[in-house]
Amino acid sequence: MDNLTLWVLFMLVDLSMVLIAFKLFGRIGLYGMIVMSIIISQIQVLKIVEIFGYVATLGNILYGSIFFATDLLSEFYGKKDAKKAVWLGFFTMVLATLYMQIALIFKPSMEDFIQPHLMGIFGLVPRIVFASLIAYLISQYHDVWAFHFWKRFTKGKHLWLRNNASTLVSQLIDSVIFTLIAFVGMFEGDVLLQIFITTYLFKVIVAVIDTPFMYYAKFVLKKDDE
């Protein structure tokens, strides 16, 4: 299976899983998906792949779906719950990074073979996570603010507008901050530019595709854990 097909299938599965978690567990399910996505996306982002013939980082789907989950929280439960999810994701990412750095300090047994692989993955994570933390907080807070701004501006109408207008700008903010902090000095300029363009482009695709999922949640699932 080629990368593009796999990427599209993975996106549809992940967005569907967010809805399933929402249906089964309400806002708690959305919190859980945000935590899971933010941890795994920080690992997946270390893998460089080619999609549409361009260099891209993996992890854009899971990271993009965090904005979907945050918008669901904003739509159904309000700004307070959305901000709580942002801080929960922040806290979890910091703690997961700290715990893995502690794990790397432990002296491995002579029989151990996984330490070099863990070092290869999690040795780079602090810089990636620092970039993500800054980008995450700024872009997510903008997303929550913008979502409610557009909801007030349209008097609760045009769900597609507040879903996309908030996320597309937030994703641009996130991509600029993350790419500059995480990858400057690691890649040549042309590769860095490709990573930025594709990172934002693929997040835009996730944001646009999640719109019908948002409508499904709004008019079919509705909230049932009040």
Protein backbone atom coordinates (compact mmCIF):
# COMPACT_ATOMS: atom_id res chain seq x y z
CA MET A 1 0.00 0.00 0.00
CA ASP A 2 1.45 3.38 -0.98
CA ASN A 3 1.97 6.20 1.55
CA LEU A 4 -0.84 8.40 0.22
CA THR A 5 -3.48 5.67 0.47
CA LEU A 6 -2.27 4.67 3.91
CA TRP A 7 -2.29 8.31 5.04
CA VAL A 8 -5.87 8.87 3.90
CA LEU A 9 -7.09 5.65 5.52
CA PHE A 10 -5.27 6.47 8.75
CA MET A 11 -6.87 9.94 8.80
CA LEU A 12 -10.39 8.55 8.35
CA VAL A 13 -9.83 5.90 11.00
CA ASP A 14 -8.43 8.40 13.50
CA LEU A 15 -11.25 10.93 13.04
CA SER A 16 -13.74 8.07 13.39
CA MET A 17 -12.04 6.96 16.61
CA VAL A 18 -12.45 10.47 18.03
CA LEU A 19 -16.19 10.27 17.34
CA ILE A 20 -16.42 6.77 18.83
CA ALA A 21 -14.59 7.92 21.97
CA PHE A 22 -16.95 10.91 22.15
CA LYS A 23 -20.02 8.69 21.75
CA LEU A 24 -18.88 6.13 24.32
CA PHE A 25 -17.33 8.39 26.95
CA GLY A 26 -18.45 11.96 26.25
CA ARG A 27 -15.99 14.69 27.17
CA ILE A 28 -13.78 12.19 29.04
CA GLY A 29 -13.32 10.30 25.78
CA LEU A 30 -12.22 13.49 24.05
CA TYR A 31 -9.74 14.22 26.85
CA GLY A 32 -8.36 10.71 26.43
CA MET A 33 -7.99 11.06 22.67
CA ILE A 34 -6.18 14.38 23.08
CA VAL A 35 -3.73 12.86 25.57
CA MET A 36 -3.13 9.78 23.41
CA SER A 37 -2.70 11.82 20.22
CA ILE A 38 -0.31 14.34 21.67
CA ILE A 39 2.01 11.65 23.06
CA ILE A 40 2.07 9.44 19.97
CA SER A 41 2.30 12.34 17.52
CA GLN A 42 5.54 13.48 19.20
CA ILE A 43 7.05 10.09 18.38
CA GLN A 44 5.59 9.79 14.90
CA VAL A 45 6.82 13.26 13.95
CA LEU A 46 10.40 11.96 14.07
CA LYS A 47 9.68 9.79 11.03
CA ILE A 48 10.14 11.50 7.66
CA VAL A 49 8.05 10.17 4.77
CA GLU A 50 7.20 11.16 1.20
CA ILE A 51 3.60 11.94 0.27
CA PHE A 52 2.59 13.58 -3.02
CA GLY A 53 6.29 13.45 -3.80
CA TYR A 54 7.11 15.86 -0.95
CA VAL A 55 9.02 15.33 2.27
CA ALA A 56 6.73 15.38 5.29
CA THR A 57 6.79 14.43 8.94
CA LEU A 58 4.49 11.72 10.19
CA GLY A 59 2.26 12.66 13.08
CA ASN A 60 0.25 15.35 11.30
CA ILE A 61 -2.92 13.30 11.39
CA LEU A 62 -2.90 12.67 15.12
CA TYR A 63 -1.81 16.21 15.89
CA GLY A 64 -4.46 17.60 13.56
CA SER A 65 -7.16 15.53 15.21
CA ILE A 66 -6.33 17.23 18.53
CA PHE A 67 -7.84 20.41 17.08
CA PHE A 68 -10.90 18.41 16.04
CA ALA A 69 -11.32 17.09 19.58
CA THR A 70 -10.80 20.57 21.04
CA ASP A 71 -13.42 22.00 18.69
CA LEU A 72 -15.86 19.29 19.76
CA LEU A 73 -15.27 20.25 23.38
CA SER A 74 -15.78 23.92 22.51
CA GLU A 75 -18.97 23.21 20.58
CA PHE A 76 -20.62 20.89 23.08
CA TYR A 77 -19.22 21.89 26.46
CA GLY A 78 -17.81 25.39 26.12
CA LYS A 79 -14.55 27.30 26.43
CA LYS A 80 -13.74 26.16 29.98
CA ASP A 81 -13.68 22.46 29.09
CA ALA A 82 -11.72 23.12 25.90
CA LYS A 83 -9.04 25.02 27.82
CA LYS A 84 -8.93 22.29 30.43
CA ALA A 85 -8.18 19.79 27.65
CA VAL A 86 -5.38 22.04 26.34
CA TRP A 87 -3.71 22.10 29.75
CA LEU A 88 -4.26 18.37 30.24
CA GLY A 89 -2.43 17.72 26.97
CA PHE A 90 0.36 20.09 28.01
CA PHE A 91 0.78 18.42 31.41
CA THR A 92 0.76 14.94 29.90
CA MET A 93 3.36 15.79 27.26
CA VAL A 94 5.71 17.29 29.85
CA LEU A 95 5.32 14.32 32.18
CA ALA A 96 5.75 11.71 29.42
CA THR A 97 8.94 13.42 28.25
CA LEU A 98 10.32 13.63 31.78
CA TYR A 99 9.58 9.98 32.53
CA MET A 100 11.26 8.79 29.34
CA GLN A 101 14.35 10.88 30.07
CA ILE A 102 14.52 9.24 33.50
CA ALA A 103 14.18 5.82 31.84
CA LEU A 104 17.18 6.61 29.61
CA ILE A 105 19.35 7.39 32.66
CA PHE A 106 18.98 3.87 34.05
CA LYS A 107 22.03 1.75 33.25
CA PRO A 108 20.89 -1.08 30.95
CA SER A 109 21.66 -4.74 31.66
CA MET A 110 24.27 -6.55 29.57
CA GLU A 111 21.36 -8.52 28.07
CA ASP A 112 19.50 -5.34 27.10
CA PHE A 113 19.29 -4.50 23.40
CA ILE A 114 16.65 -1.75 23.37
CA GLN A 115 18.60 1.12 24.96
CA PRO A 116 20.22 2.36 21.70
CA HIS A 117 16.82 2.36 20.00
CA LEU A 118 15.21 4.24 22.89
CA MET A 119 18.07 6.74 22.79
CA GLY A 120 17.58 7.14 19.05
CA ILE A 121 13.91 7.95 19.52
CA PHE A 122 13.59 9.66 22.88
CA GLY A 123 17.00 11.30 22.87
CA LEU A 124 15.62 13.74 20.29
CA VAL A 125 12.27 14.13 21.99
CA PRO A 126 13.16 17.04 24.36
CA ARG A 127 13.74 19.46 21.46
CA ILE A 128 10.68 18.17 19.63
CA VAL A 129 8.57 18.43 22.77
CA PHE A 130 9.84 21.92 23.59
CA ALA A 131 8.84 23.04 20.09
CA SER A 132 5.51 21.27 20.45
CA LEU A 133 4.79 22.75 23.86
CA ILE A 134 5.27 26.31 22.66
CA ALA A 135 3.41 25.73 19.39
CA TYR A 136 0.69 23.69 21.09
CA LEU A 137 -0.19 26.22 23.80
CA ILE A 138 -0.22 29.24 21.50
CA SER A 139 -2.11 27.58 18.64
CA GLN A 140 -4.60 25.76 20.87
CA TYR A 141 -5.44 28.87 22.87
CA HIS A 142 -5.95 30.72 19.61
CA ASP A 143 -8.14 27.88 18.34
CA VAL A 144 -10.40 27.98 21.40
CA TRP A 145 -10.62 31.77 21.28
CA ALA A 146 -11.25 31.89 17.52
CA PHE A 147 -13.85 29.11 17.63
CA HIS A 148 -15.95 31.02 20.15
CA PHE A 149 -15.33 34.33 18.39
CA TRP A 150 -16.78 32.97 15.17
CA LYS A 151 -19.60 31.26 17.05
CA ARG A 152 -20.59 34.60 18.61
CA PHE A 153 -20.06 36.48 15.35
CA THR A 154 -22.37 34.13 13.40
CA LYS A 155 -24.78 33.82 16.35
CA GLY A 156 -24.28 30.06 16.51
CA LYS A 157 -24.78 29.49 12.79
CA HIS A 158 -22.38 28.14 10.16
CA LEU A 159 -20.63 25.38 12.09
CA TRP A 160 -18.33 24.79 9.11
CA LEU A 161 -17.05 28.38 9.35
CA ARG A 162 -16.06 28.36 13.00
CA ASN A 163 -14.62 24.86 12.69
CA ASN A 164 -12.40 25.77 9.73
CA ALA A 165 -11.69 29.46 10.36
CA SER A 166 -10.39 28.75 13.85
CA THR A 167 -8.41 25.64 12.97
CA LEU A 168 -6.79 26.78 9.72
CA VAL A 169 -5.24 29.88 11.28
CA SER A 170 -4.30 27.97 14.43
CA GLN A 171 -2.61 25.27 12.37
CA LEU A 172 -0.61 27.91 10.51
CA ILE A 173 0.58 29.38 13.81
CA ASP A 174 1.42 25.92 15.08
CA SER A 175 3.33 24.90 11.94
CA VAL A 176 5.46 28.05 11.84
CA ILE A 177 6.46 27.85 15.50
CA PHE A 178 7.02 24.10 15.54
CA THR A 179 9.04 23.88 12.33
CA LEU A 180 11.38 26.73 13.28
CA ILE A 181 12.09 25.51 16.80
CA ALA A 182 12.17 21.77 16.10
CA PHE A 183 14.03 21.48 12.82
CA VAL A 184 16.21 24.55 12.15
CA GLY A 185 19.77 23.25 11.96
CA MET A 186 18.66 19.65 11.53
CA PHE A 187 17.70 19.89 7.84
CA GLU A 188 18.84 21.88 4.81
CA GLY A 189 16.79 24.96 3.93
CA ASP A 190 14.91 23.38 1.03
CA VAL A 191 14.00 20.32 3.10
CA LEU A 192 12.94 22.57 5.98
CA LEU A 193 10.68 24.54 3.64
CA GLN A 194 9.15 21.33 2.29
CA ILE A 195 8.54 20.11 5.83
CA PHE A 196 6.81 23.39 6.74
CA ILE A 197 4.64 23.46 3.61
CA THR A 198 3.65 19.81 3.82
CA THR A 199 3.14 19.97 7.59
CA TYR A 200 0.66 22.79 7.19
CA LEU A 201 -0.89 21.37 4.02
CA PHE A 202 -1.62 18.00 5.58
CA LYS A 203 -3.02 19.63 8.72
CA VAL A 204 -5.28 21.72 6.47
CA ILE A 205 -6.51 18.54 4.79
CA VAL A 206 -7.31 17.01 8.19
CA ALA A 207 -9.10 20.21 9.25
CA VAL A 208 -11.25 20.30 6.10
CA ILE A 209 -12.03 16.59 6.16
CA ASP A 210 -13.05 16.71 9.83
CA THR A 211 -15.90 19.14 9.00
CA PRO A 212 -18.45 16.44 8.05
CA PHE A 213 -17.34 14.53 11.15
CA MET A 214 -18.14 17.64 13.18
CA TYR A 215 -21.61 17.85 11.61
CA TYR A 216 -22.18 14.18 12.33
CA ALA A 217 -21.30 14.74 15.98
CA LYS A 218 -23.52 17.84 16.15
CA PHE A 219 -26.66 16.41 14.62
CA VAL A 220 -26.38 12.64 15.14
CA LEU A 221 -24.37 11.93 18.24
CA LYS A 222 -25.15 15.06 20.24
CA LYS A 223 -24.00 15.24 23.83
CA ASP A 224 -25.36 12.67 26.19
CA ASP A 225 -23.21 12.90 29.31
CA GLU A 226 -24.64 16.06 30.84
